[in-house]
Full PDB file with SEQRES, HELIX, SHEET, SSBOND, CRYST1, ORIGX, SCALE, CONECT and MASTER records, all heavy atoms in Angstrom:
SEQRES   1 A   36  LYS GLN LYS ILE VAL ALA GLU LEU ILE SER GLU ASN ILE          
SEQRES   2 A   36  TYR GLN ALA THR ASP ARG SER TYR LEU LEU GLU LEU PRO          
SEQRES   3 A   36  LEU LYS ASN LEU GLU SER ILE LEU LEU LEU                      
HELIX    1 AA1 GLN A    2  SER A   10  1                                   9    
HELIX    2 AA2 ALA A   16  ASP A   18  5                                   3    
HELIX    3 AA3 ARG A   19  GLU A   24  1                                   6    
HELIX    4 AA4 LEU A   27  LEU A   35  1                                   9    
CRYST1    1.000    1.000    1.000  90.00  90.00  90.00 P 1           1          
ORIGX1      1.000000  0.000000  0.000000        0.00000                         
ORIGX2      0.000000  1.000000  0.000000        0.00000                         
ORIGX3      0.000000  0.000000  1.000000        0.00000                         
SCALE1      1.000000  0.000000  0.000000        0.00000                         
SCALE2      0.000000  1.000000  0.000000        0.00000                         
SCALE3      0.000000  0.000000  1.000000        0.00000                         
ATOM      1  N   LYS A   1     -52.684  19.920  -5.604  1.00  0.00           N  
ATOM      2  CA  LYS A   1     -51.923  20.296  -4.414  1.00  0.00           C  
ATOM      3  C   LYS A   1     -51.908  19.151  -3.409  1.00  0.00           C  
ATOM      4  O   LYS A   1     -50.860  18.834  -2.842  1.00  0.00           O  
ATOM      5  CB  LYS A   1     -52.528  21.549  -3.775  1.00  0.00           C  
ATOM      6  CG  LYS A   1     -52.224  22.817  -4.548  1.00  0.00           C  
ATOM      7  CD  LYS A   1     -52.991  24.012  -4.040  1.00  0.00           C  
ATOM      8  CE  LYS A   1     -52.599  24.427  -2.668  1.00  0.00           C  
ATOM      9  NZ  LYS A   1     -53.219  25.719  -2.273  1.00  0.00           N  
ATOM     10  N   GLN A   2     -53.050  18.496  -3.195  1.00  0.00           N  
ATOM     11  CA  GLN A   2     -53.120  17.385  -2.254  1.00  0.00           C  
ATOM     12  C   GLN A   2     -52.219  16.241  -2.685  1.00  0.00           C  
ATOM     13  O   GLN A   2     -51.554  15.610  -1.860  1.00  0.00           O  
ATOM     14  CB  GLN A   2     -54.561  16.904  -2.109  1.00  0.00           C  
ATOM     15  CG  GLN A   2     -55.430  17.877  -1.360  1.00  0.00           C  
ATOM     16  CD  GLN A   2     -56.883  17.452  -1.336  1.00  0.00           C  
ATOM     17  OE1 GLN A   2     -57.276  16.478  -1.974  1.00  0.00           O  
ATOM     18  NE2 GLN A   2     -57.698  18.196  -0.593  1.00  0.00           N  
ATOM     19  N   LYS A   3     -52.179  15.979  -3.987  1.00  0.00           N  
ATOM     20  CA  LYS A   3     -51.335  14.894  -4.503  1.00  0.00           C  
ATOM     21  C   LYS A   3     -49.852  15.204  -4.271  1.00  0.00           C  
ATOM     22  O   LYS A   3     -49.089  14.341  -3.827  1.00  0.00           O  
ATOM     23  CB  LYS A   3     -51.610  14.706  -5.996  1.00  0.00           C  
ATOM     24  CG  LYS A   3     -50.840  13.578  -6.613  1.00  0.00           C  
ATOM     25  CD  LYS A   3     -51.179  13.414  -8.079  1.00  0.00           C  
ATOM     26  CE  LYS A   3     -50.347  12.318  -8.694  1.00  0.00           C  
ATOM     27  NZ  LYS A   3     -50.579  12.191 -10.126  1.00  0.00           N  
ATOM     28  N   ILE A   4     -49.438  16.439  -4.548  1.00  0.00           N  
ATOM     29  CA  ILE A   4     -48.040  16.824  -4.359  1.00  0.00           C  
ATOM     30  C   ILE A   4     -47.668  16.764  -2.884  1.00  0.00           C  
ATOM     31  O   ILE A   4     -46.614  16.235  -2.516  1.00  0.00           O  
ATOM     32  CB  ILE A   4     -47.768  18.229  -4.943  1.00  0.00           C  
ATOM     33  CG1 ILE A   4     -47.893  18.204  -6.475  1.00  0.00           C  
ATOM     34  CG2 ILE A   4     -46.392  18.736  -4.536  1.00  0.00           C  
ATOM     35  CD1 ILE A   4     -47.842  19.567  -7.130  1.00  0.00           C  
ATOM     36  N   VAL A   5     -48.535  17.296  -2.018  1.00  0.00           N  
ATOM     37  CA  VAL A   5     -48.265  17.294  -0.584  1.00  0.00           C  
ATOM     38  C   VAL A   5     -48.153  15.860  -0.068  1.00  0.00           C  
ATOM     39  O   VAL A   5     -47.246  15.531   0.704  1.00  0.00           O  
ATOM     40  CB  VAL A   5     -49.347  18.091   0.180  1.00  0.00           C  
ATOM     41  CG1 VAL A   5     -49.250  17.862   1.675  1.00  0.00           C  
ATOM     42  CG2 VAL A   5     -49.233  19.579  -0.144  1.00  0.00           C  
ATOM     43  N   ALA A   6     -49.048  14.995  -0.506  1.00  0.00           N  
ATOM     44  CA  ALA A   6     -49.001  13.598  -0.081  1.00  0.00           C  
ATOM     45  C   ALA A   6     -47.692  12.942  -0.514  1.00  0.00           C  
ATOM     46  O   ALA A   6     -47.088  12.176   0.248  1.00  0.00           O  
ATOM     47  CB  ALA A   6     -50.193  12.836  -0.651  1.00  0.00           C  
ATOM     48  N   GLU A   7     -47.241  13.264  -1.710  1.00  0.00           N  
ATOM     49  CA  GLU A   7     -45.978  12.696  -2.200  1.00  0.00           C  
ATOM     50  C   GLU A   7     -44.792  13.203  -1.382  1.00  0.00           C  
ATOM     51  O   GLU A   7     -43.906  12.426  -1.011  1.00  0.00           O  
ATOM     52  CB  GLU A   7     -45.793  13.059  -3.671  1.00  0.00           C  
ATOM     53  CG  GLU A   7     -44.620  12.370  -4.316  1.00  0.00           C  
ATOM     54  CD  GLU A   7     -44.554  12.585  -5.815  1.00  0.00           C  
ATOM     55  OE1 GLU A   7     -45.578  12.941  -6.425  1.00  0.00           O  
ATOM     56  OE2 GLU A   7     -43.464  12.385  -6.371  1.00  0.00           O  
ATOM     57  N   LEU A   8     -44.774  14.496  -1.078  1.00  0.00           N  
ATOM     58  CA  LEU A   8     -43.683  15.061  -0.287  1.00  0.00           C  
ATOM     59  C   LEU A   8     -43.645  14.460   1.116  1.00  0.00           C  
ATOM     60  O   LEU A   8     -42.578  14.194   1.659  1.00  0.00           O  
ATOM     61  CB  LEU A   8     -43.814  16.587  -0.208  1.00  0.00           C  
ATOM     62  CG  LEU A   8     -43.601  17.351  -1.510  1.00  0.00           C  
ATOM     63  CD1 LEU A   8     -43.963  18.820  -1.328  1.00  0.00           C  
ATOM     64  CD2 LEU A   8     -42.179  17.203  -2.014  1.00  0.00           C  
ATOM     65  N   ILE A   9     -44.814  14.212   1.684  1.00  0.00           N  
ATOM     66  CA  ILE A   9     -44.874  13.627   3.025  1.00  0.00           C  
ATOM     67  C   ILE A   9     -44.505  12.144   2.982  1.00  0.00           C  
ATOM     68  O   ILE A   9     -43.763  11.659   3.840  1.00  0.00           O  
ATOM     69  CB  ILE A   9     -46.273  13.840   3.644  1.00  0.00           C  
ATOM     70  CG1 ILE A   9     -46.471  15.327   3.957  1.00  0.00           C  
ATOM     71  CG2 ILE A   9     -46.458  13.003   4.901  1.00  0.00           C  
ATOM     72  CD1 ILE A   9     -47.867  15.708   4.379  1.00  0.00           C  
ATOM     73  N   SER A  10     -44.969  11.431   1.980  1.00  0.00           N  
ATOM     74  CA  SER A  10     -44.675   9.997   1.907  1.00  0.00           C  
ATOM     75  C   SER A  10     -43.192   9.728   1.687  1.00  0.00           C  
ATOM     76  O   SER A  10     -42.687   8.680   2.086  1.00  0.00           O  
ATOM     77  CB  SER A  10     -45.497   9.331   0.805  1.00  0.00           C  
ATOM     78  OG  SER A  10     -45.036   9.729  -0.468  1.00  0.00           O  
ATOM     79  N   GLU A  11     -42.499  10.671   1.075  1.00  0.00           N  
ATOM     80  CA  GLU A  11     -41.063  10.511   0.847  1.00  0.00           C  
ATOM     81  C   GLU A  11     -40.240  11.139   1.966  1.00  0.00           C  
ATOM     82  O   GLU A  11     -39.028  11.321   1.821  1.00  0.00           O  
ATOM     83  CB  GLU A  11     -40.687  11.108  -0.506  1.00  0.00           C  
ATOM     84  CG  GLU A  11     -41.315  10.335  -1.655  1.00  0.00           C  
ATOM     85  CD  GLU A  11     -40.928  10.878  -3.010  1.00  0.00           C  
ATOM     86  OE1 GLU A  11     -40.153  11.854  -3.079  1.00  0.00           O  
ATOM     87  OE2 GLU A  11     -41.400  10.321  -4.001  1.00  0.00           O  
ATOM     88  N   ASN A  12     -40.891  11.489   3.063  1.00  0.00           N  
ATOM     89  CA  ASN A  12     -40.245  12.052   4.245  1.00  0.00           C  
ATOM     90  C   ASN A  12     -39.477  13.339   3.968  1.00  0.00           C  
ATOM     91  O   ASN A  12     -38.504  13.644   4.653  1.00  0.00           O  
ATOM     92  CB  ASN A  12     -39.327  11.027   4.918  1.00  0.00           C  
ATOM     93  CG  ASN A  12     -40.107   9.886   5.503  1.00  0.00           C  
ATOM     94  OD1 ASN A  12     -41.205  10.086   6.014  1.00  0.00           O  
ATOM     95  ND2 ASN A  12     -39.570   8.692   5.414  1.00  0.00           N  
ATOM     96  N   ILE A  13     -39.909  14.088   2.975  1.00  0.00           N  
ATOM     97  CA  ILE A  13     -39.317  15.393   2.716  1.00  0.00           C  
ATOM     98  C   ILE A  13     -39.909  16.398   3.705  1.00  0.00           C  
ATOM     99  O   ILE A  13     -39.227  17.283   4.189  1.00  0.00           O  
ATOM    100  CB  ILE A  13     -39.552  15.818   1.254  1.00  0.00           C  
ATOM    101  CG1 ILE A  13     -38.813  14.836   0.342  1.00  0.00           C  
ATOM    102  CG2 ILE A  13     -39.115  17.249   1.010  1.00  0.00           C  
ATOM    103  CD1 ILE A  13     -39.135  14.938  -1.106  1.00  0.00           C  
ATOM    104  N   TYR A  14     -41.199  16.238   3.991  1.00  0.00           N  
ATOM    105  CA  TYR A  14     -41.895  17.009   5.022  1.00  0.00           C  
ATOM    106  C   TYR A  14     -42.600  16.033   5.937  1.00  0.00           C  
ATOM    107  O   TYR A  14     -42.845  14.887   5.570  1.00  0.00           O  
ATOM    108  CB  TYR A  14     -42.920  17.967   4.401  1.00  0.00           C  
ATOM    109  CG  TYR A  14     -42.286  19.172   3.753  1.00  0.00           C  
ATOM    110  CD1 TYR A  14     -41.966  19.172   2.398  1.00  0.00           C  
ATOM    111  CD2 TYR A  14     -42.014  20.311   4.487  1.00  0.00           C  
ATOM    112  CE1 TYR A  14     -41.378  20.274   1.801  1.00  0.00           C  
ATOM    113  CE2 TYR A  14     -41.429  21.423   3.896  1.00  0.00           C  
ATOM    114  CZ  TYR A  14     -41.123  21.392   2.560  1.00  0.00           C  
ATOM    115  OH  TYR A  14     -40.540  22.483   1.978  1.00  0.00           O  
ATOM    116  N   GLN A  15     -42.961  16.512   7.130  1.00  0.00           N  
ATOM    117  CA  GLN A  15     -43.672  15.665   8.081  1.00  0.00           C  
ATOM    118  C   GLN A  15     -45.169  15.892   7.942  1.00  0.00           C  
ATOM    119  O   GLN A  15     -45.619  16.919   7.426  1.00  0.00           O  
ATOM    120  CB  GLN A  15     -43.219  15.964   9.494  1.00  0.00           C  
ATOM    121  CG  GLN A  15     -41.757  15.637   9.700  1.00  0.00           C  
ATOM    122  CD  GLN A  15     -41.352  15.701  11.147  1.00  0.00           C  
ATOM    123  OE1 GLN A  15     -42.177  15.903  12.016  1.00  0.00           O  
ATOM    124  NE2 GLN A  15     -40.072  15.517  11.394  1.00  0.00           N  
ATOM    125  N   ALA A  16     -45.949  14.931   8.420  1.00  0.00           N  
ATOM    126  CA  ALA A  16     -47.403  15.012   8.323  1.00  0.00           C  
ATOM    127  C   ALA A  16     -47.945  16.260   9.021  1.00  0.00           C  
ATOM    128  O   ALA A  16     -48.976  16.802   8.605  1.00  0.00           O  
ATOM    129  CB  ALA A  16     -48.033  13.753   8.902  1.00  0.00           C  
ATOM    130  N   THR A  17     -47.255  16.725  10.031  1.00  0.00           N  
ATOM    131  CA  THR A  17     -47.704  17.931  10.738  1.00  0.00           C  
ATOM    132  C   THR A  17     -47.586  19.185   9.876  1.00  0.00           C  
ATOM    133  O   THR A  17     -48.189  20.208  10.190  1.00  0.00           O  
ATOM    134  CB  THR A  17     -46.909  18.138  12.042  1.00  0.00           C  
ATOM    135  OG1 THR A  17     -45.513  18.175  11.723  1.00  0.00           O  
ATOM    136  CG2 THR A  17     -47.183  17.019  13.034  1.00  0.00           C  
ATOM    137  N   ASP A  18     -46.833  19.112   8.783  1.00  0.00           N  
ATOM    138  CA  ASP A  18     -46.663  20.250   7.873  1.00  0.00           C  
ATOM    139  C   ASP A  18     -47.754  20.316   6.804  1.00  0.00           C  
ATOM    140  O   ASP A  18     -47.769  21.249   6.003  1.00  0.00           O  
ATOM    141  CB  ASP A  18     -45.297  20.172   7.179  1.00  0.00           C  
ATOM    142  CG  ASP A  18     -44.141  20.276   8.148  1.00  0.00           C  
ATOM    143  OD1 ASP A  18     -44.267  20.985   9.159  1.00  0.00           O  
ATOM    144  OD2 ASP A  18     -43.105  19.627   7.895  1.00  0.00           O  
ATOM    145  N   ARG A  19     -48.659  19.353   6.786  1.00  0.00           N  
ATOM    146  CA  ARG A  19     -49.659  19.254   5.715  1.00  0.00           C  
ATOM    147  C   ARG A  19     -50.473  20.536   5.559  1.00  0.00           C  
ATOM    148  O   ARG A  19     -50.634  21.049   4.439  1.00  0.00           O  
ATOM    149  CB  ARG A  19     -50.596  18.077   5.963  1.00  0.00           C  
ATOM    150  CG  ARG A  19     -51.647  17.908   4.881  1.00  0.00           C  
ATOM    151  CD  ARG A  19     -52.554  16.729   5.159  1.00  0.00           C  
ATOM    152  NE  ARG A  19     -51.832  15.474   5.239  1.00  0.00           N  
ATOM    153  CZ  ARG A  19     -51.505  14.713   4.203  1.00  0.00           C  
ATOM    154  NH1 ARG A  19     -51.866  15.071   3.003  1.00  0.00           N  
ATOM    155  NH2 ARG A  19     -50.842  13.597   4.372  1.00  0.00           N  
ATOM    156  N   SER A  20     -51.005  21.083   6.636  1.00  0.00           N  
ATOM    157  CA  SER A  20     -51.857  22.275   6.510  1.00  0.00           C  
ATOM    158  C   SER A  20     -51.062  23.464   5.974  1.00  0.00           C  
ATOM    159  O   SER A  20     -51.567  24.242   5.159  1.00  0.00           O  
ATOM    160  CB  SER A  20     -52.523  22.611   7.838  1.00  0.00           C  
ATOM    161  OG  SER A  20     -51.561  22.891   8.812  1.00  0.00           O  
ATOM    162  N   TYR A  21     -49.814  23.601   6.426  1.00  0.00           N  
ATOM    163  CA  TYR A  21     -48.951  24.677   5.917  1.00  0.00           C  
ATOM    164  C   TYR A  21     -48.706  24.498   4.415  1.00  0.00           C  
ATOM    165  O   TYR A  21     -48.826  25.454   3.637  1.00  0.00           O  
ATOM    166  CB  TYR A  21     -47.618  24.698   6.668  1.00  0.00           C  
ATOM    167  CG  TYR A  21     -46.573  25.548   6.001  1.00  0.00           C  
ATOM    168  CD1 TYR A  21     -46.642  26.930   6.048  1.00  0.00           C  
ATOM    169  CD2 TYR A  21     -45.523  24.960   5.297  1.00  0.00           C  
ATOM    170  CE1 TYR A  21     -45.686  27.724   5.414  1.00  0.00           C  
ATOM    171  CE2 TYR A  21     -44.569  25.735   4.660  1.00  0.00           C  
ATOM    172  CZ  TYR A  21     -44.657  27.116   4.722  1.00  0.00           C  
ATOM    173  OH  TYR A  21     -43.710  27.887   4.084  1.00  0.00           O  
ATOM    174  N   LEU A  22     -48.384  23.288   4.013  1.00  0.00           N  
ATOM    175  CA  LEU A  22     -48.088  23.033   2.602  1.00  0.00           C  
ATOM    176  C   LEU A  22     -49.302  23.277   1.715  1.00  0.00           C  
ATOM    177  O   LEU A  22     -49.172  23.796   0.602  1.00  0.00           O  
ATOM    178  CB  LEU A  22     -47.581  21.600   2.424  1.00  0.00           C  
ATOM    179  CG  LEU A  22     -46.204  21.311   3.020  1.00  0.00           C  
ATOM    180  CD1 LEU A  22     -45.926  19.818   3.014  1.00  0.00           C  
ATOM    181  CD2 LEU A  22     -45.124  22.070   2.275  1.00  0.00           C  
ATOM    182  N   LEU A  23     -50.482  22.912   2.189  1.00  0.00           N  
ATOM    183  CA  LEU A  23     -51.693  23.106   1.386  1.00  0.00           C  
ATOM    184  C   LEU A  23     -52.041  24.580   1.209  1.00  0.00           C  
ATOM    185  O   LEU A  23     -52.779  24.931   0.285  1.00  0.00           O  
ATOM    186  CB  LEU A  23     -52.867  22.352   2.008  1.00  0.00           C  
ATOM    187  CG  LEU A  23     -52.793  20.835   1.875  1.00  0.00           C  
ATOM    188  CD1 LEU A  23     -53.900  20.170   2.677  1.00  0.00           C  
ATOM    189  CD2 LEU A  23     -52.848  20.407   0.415  1.00  0.00           C  
ATOM    190  N   GLU A  24     -51.506  25.439   2.066  1.00  0.00           N  
ATOM    191  CA  GLU A  24     -51.740  26.878   1.941  1.00  0.00           C  
ATOM    192  C   GLU A  24     -50.822  27.514   0.894  1.00  0.00           C  
ATOM    193  O   GLU A  24     -51.095  28.611   0.416  1.00  0.00           O  
ATOM    194  CB  GLU A  24     -51.550  27.577   3.282  1.00  0.00           C  
ATOM    195  CG  GLU A  24     -52.588  27.198   4.314  1.00  0.00           C  
ATOM    196  CD  GLU A  24     -53.989  27.619   3.916  1.00  0.00           C  
ATOM    197  OE1 GLU A  24     -54.149  28.724   3.348  1.00  0.00           O  
ATOM    198  OE2 GLU A  24     -54.928  26.836   4.159  1.00  0.00           O  
ATOM    199  N   LEU A  25     -49.741  26.825   0.544  1.00  0.00           N  
ATOM    200  CA  LEU A  25     -48.817  27.368  -0.452  1.00  0.00           C  
ATOM    201  C   LEU A  25     -49.470  27.367  -1.833  1.00  0.00           C  
ATOM    202  O   LEU A  25     -50.292  26.505  -2.144  1.00  0.00           O  
ATOM    203  CB  LEU A  25     -47.540  26.523  -0.509  1.00  0.00           C  
ATOM    204  CG  LEU A  25     -46.628  26.573   0.712  1.00  0.00           C  
ATOM    205  CD1 LEU A  25     -45.487  25.574   0.539  1.00  0.00           C  
ATOM    206  CD2 LEU A  25     -46.090  27.971   0.918  1.00  0.00           C  
ATOM    207  N   PRO A  26     -49.087  28.314  -2.680  1.00  0.00           N  
ATOM    208  CA  PRO A  26     -49.586  28.308  -4.059  1.00  0.00           C  
ATOM    209  C   PRO A  26     -49.091  27.056  -4.802  1.00  0.00           C  
ATOM    210  O   PRO A  26     -48.017  26.522  -4.493  1.00  0.00           O  
ATOM    211  CB  PRO A  26     -48.978  29.565  -4.679  1.00  0.00           C  
ATOM    212  CG  PRO A  26     -48.562  30.424  -3.533  1.00  0.00           C  
ATOM    213  CD  PRO A  26     -48.265  29.487  -2.399  1.00  0.00           C  
ATOM    214  N   LEU A  27     -49.869  26.613  -5.759  1.00  0.00           N  
ATOM    215  CA  LEU A  27     -49.523  25.416  -6.533  1.00  0.00           C  
ATOM    216  C   LEU A  27     -48.150  25.566  -7.181  1.00  0.00           C  
ATOM    217  O   LEU A  27     -47.367  24.620  -7.208  1.00  0.00           O  
ATOM    218  CB  LEU A  27     -50.592  25.143  -7.594  1.00  0.00           C  
ATOM    219  CG  LEU A  27     -50.355  23.951  -8.499  1.00  0.00           C  
ATOM    220  CD1 LEU A  27     -50.238  22.664  -7.688  1.00  0.00           C  
ATOM    221  CD2 LEU A  27     -51.464  23.827  -9.524  1.00  0.00           C  
ATOM    222  N   LYS A  28     -47.850  26.747  -7.675  1.00  0.00           N  
ATOM    223  CA  LYS A  28     -46.558  26.983  -8.333  1.00  0.00           C  
ATOM    224  C   LYS A  28     -45.392  26.688  -7.382  1.00  0.00           C  
ATOM    225  O   LYS A  28     -44.395  26.092  -7.779  1.00  0.00           O  
ATOM    226  CB  LYS A  28     -46.488  28.426  -8.830  1.00  0.00           C  
ATOM    227  CG  LYS A  28     -45.253  28.741  -9.617  1.00  0.00           C  
ATOM    228  CD  LYS A  28     -45.308  30.138 -10.167  1.00  0.00           C  
ATOM    229  CE  LYS A  28     -44.060  30.428 -10.987  1.00  0.00           C  
ATOM    230  NZ  LYS A  28     -44.097  31.768 -11.573  1.00  0.00           N  
ATOM    231  N   ASN A  29     -45.530  27.106  -6.124  1.00  0.00           N  
ATOM    232  CA  ASN A  29     -44.470  26.848  -5.142  1.00  0.00           C  
ATOM    233  C   ASN A  29     -44.328  25.350  -4.867  1.00  0.00           C  
ATOM    234  O   ASN A  29     -43.209  24.840  -4.745  1.00  0.00           O  
ATOM    235  CB  ASN A  29     -44.755  27.589  -3.845  1.00  0.00           C  
ATOM    236  CG  ASN A  29     -44.642  29.084  -3.986  1.00  0.00           C  
ATOM    237  OD1 ASN A  29     -44.814  29.632  -5.076  1.00  0.00           O  
ATOM    238  ND2 ASN A  29     -44.385  29.761  -2.901  1.00  0.00           N  
ATOM    239  N   LEU A  30     -45.441  24.661  -4.746  1.00  0.00           N  
ATOM    240  CA  LEU A  30     -45.389  23.214  -4.497  1.00  0.00           C  
ATOM    241  C   LEU A  30     -44.738  22.483  -5.671  1.00  0.00           C  
ATOM    242  O   LEU A  30     -43.949  21.561  -5.475  1.00  0.00           O  
ATOM    243  CB  LEU A  30     -46.801  22.662  -4.248  1.00  0.00           C  
ATOM    244  CG  LEU A  30     -47.419  23.029  -2.910  1.00  0.00           C  
ATOM    245  CD1 LEU A  30     -48.874  22.598  -2.869  1.00  0.00           C  
ATOM    246  CD2 LEU A  30     -46.640  22.421  -1.771  1.00  0.00           C  
ATOM    247  N   GLU A  31     -45.076  22.920  -6.882  1.00  0.00           N  
ATOM    248  CA  GLU A  31     -44.463  22.300  -8.057  1.00  0.00           C  
ATOM    249  C   GLU A  31     -42.956  22.559  -8.082  1.00  0.00           C  
ATOM    250  O   GLU A  31     -42.187  21.676  -8.459  1.00  0.00           O  
ATOM    251  CB  GLU A  31     -45.126  22.823  -9.334  1.00  0.00           C  
ATOM    252  CG  GLU A  31     -46.534  22.315  -9.516  1.00  0.00           C  
ATOM    253  CD  GLU A  31     -47.236  22.931 -10.706  1.00  0.00           C  
ATOM    254  OE1 GLU A  31     -46.947  24.077 -11.073  1.00  0.00           O  
ATOM    255  OE2 GLU A  31     -48.101  22.251 -11.266  1.00  0.00           O  
ATOM    256  N   SER A  32     -42.529  23.733  -7.645  1.00  0.00           N  
ATOM    257  CA  SER A  32     -41.099  24.046  -7.584  1.00  0.00           C  
ATOM    258  C   SER A  32     -40.385  23.148  -6.581  1.00  0.00           C  
ATOM    259  O   SER A  32     -39.290  22.654  -6.851  1.00  0.00           O  
ATOM    260  CB  SER A  32     -40.883  25.511  -7.198  1.00  0.00           C  
ATOM    261  OG  SER A  32     -41.395  26.358  -8.179  1.00  0.00           O  
ATOM    262  N   ILE A  33     -41.012  22.941  -5.425  1.00  0.00           N  
ATOM    263  CA  ILE A  33     -40.430  22.052  -4.413  1.00  0.00           C  
ATOM    264  C   ILE A  33     -40.304  20.646  -4.982  1.00  0.00           C  
ATOM    265  O   ILE A  33     -39.290  19.967  -4.805  1.00  0.00           O  
ATOM    266  CB  ILE A  33     -41.279  22.050  -3.131  1.00  0.00           C  
ATOM    267  CG1 ILE A  33     -41.226  23.416  -2.456  1.00  0.00           C  
ATOM    268  CG2 ILE A  33     -40.819  20.962  -2.167  1.00  0.00           C  
ATOM    269  CD1 ILE A  33     -42.225  23.603  -1.335  1.00  0.00           C  
ATOM    270  N   LEU A  34     -41.328  20.203  -5.674  1.00  0.00           N  
ATOM    271  CA  LEU A  34     -41.320  18.863  -6.266  1.00  0.00           C  
ATOM    272  C   LEU A  34     -40.214  18.746  -7.313  1.00  0.00           C  
ATOM    273  O   LEU A  34     -39.505  17.738  -7.366  1.00  0.00           O  
ATOM    274  CB  LEU A  34     -42.687  18.563  -6.881  1.00  0.00           C  
ATOM    275  CG  LEU A  34     -43.012  17.127  -7.179  1.00  0.00           C  
ATOM    276  CD1 LEU A  34     -42.998  16.287  -5.913  1.00  0.00           C  
ATOM    277  CD2 LEU A  34     -44.379  17.029  -7.836  1.00  0.00           C  
ATOM    278  N   LEU A  35     -40.031  19.777  -8.114  1.00  0.00           N  
ATOM    279  CA  LEU A  35     -38.971  19.757  -9.125  1.00  0.00           C  
ATOM    280  C   LEU A  35     -37.587  19.753  -8.485  1.00  0.00           C  
ATOM    281  O   LEU A  35     -36.684  19.074  -8.970  1.00  0.00           O  
ATOM    282  CB  LEU A  35     -39.106  20.948 -10.069  1.00  0.00           C  
ATOM    283  CG  LEU A  35     -40.258  20.874 -11.061  1.00  0.00           C  
ATOM    284  CD1 LEU A  35     -40.359  22.177 -11.846  1.00  0.00           C  
ATOM    285  CD2 LEU A  35     -40.092  19.700 -11.998  1.00  0.00           C  
ATOM    286  N   LEU A  36     -37.419  20.514  -7.413  1.00  0.00           N  
ATOM    287  CA  LEU A  36     -36.125  20.526  -6.719  1.00  0.00           C  
ATOM    288  C   LEU A  36     -35.804  19.152  -6.147  1.00  0.00           C  
ATOM    289  O   LEU A  36     -34.656  18.723  -6.130  1.00  0.00           O  
ATOM    290  CB  LEU A  36     -36.130  21.560  -5.592  1.00  0.00           C  
ATOM    291  CG  LEU A  36     -36.096  23.006  -6.023  1.00  0.00           C  
ATOM    292  CD1 LEU A  36     -36.283  23.923  -4.819  1.00  0.00           C  
ATOM    293  CD2 LEU A  36     -34.793  23.318  -6.735  1.00  0.00           C  
TER     294      LEU A  36                                                      
MASTER        0    0    0    4    0    0    0    6  293    1    0    3          
END                                                                             
């Protein structure tokens, strides 16, 4: 989850302030966001 969140933030898809929210999401949801 940390790796996916870091990738989403580094690519400016989400902002660093969204990190705690993103880490609360289930892994399946994060993987779906990454696939999209």
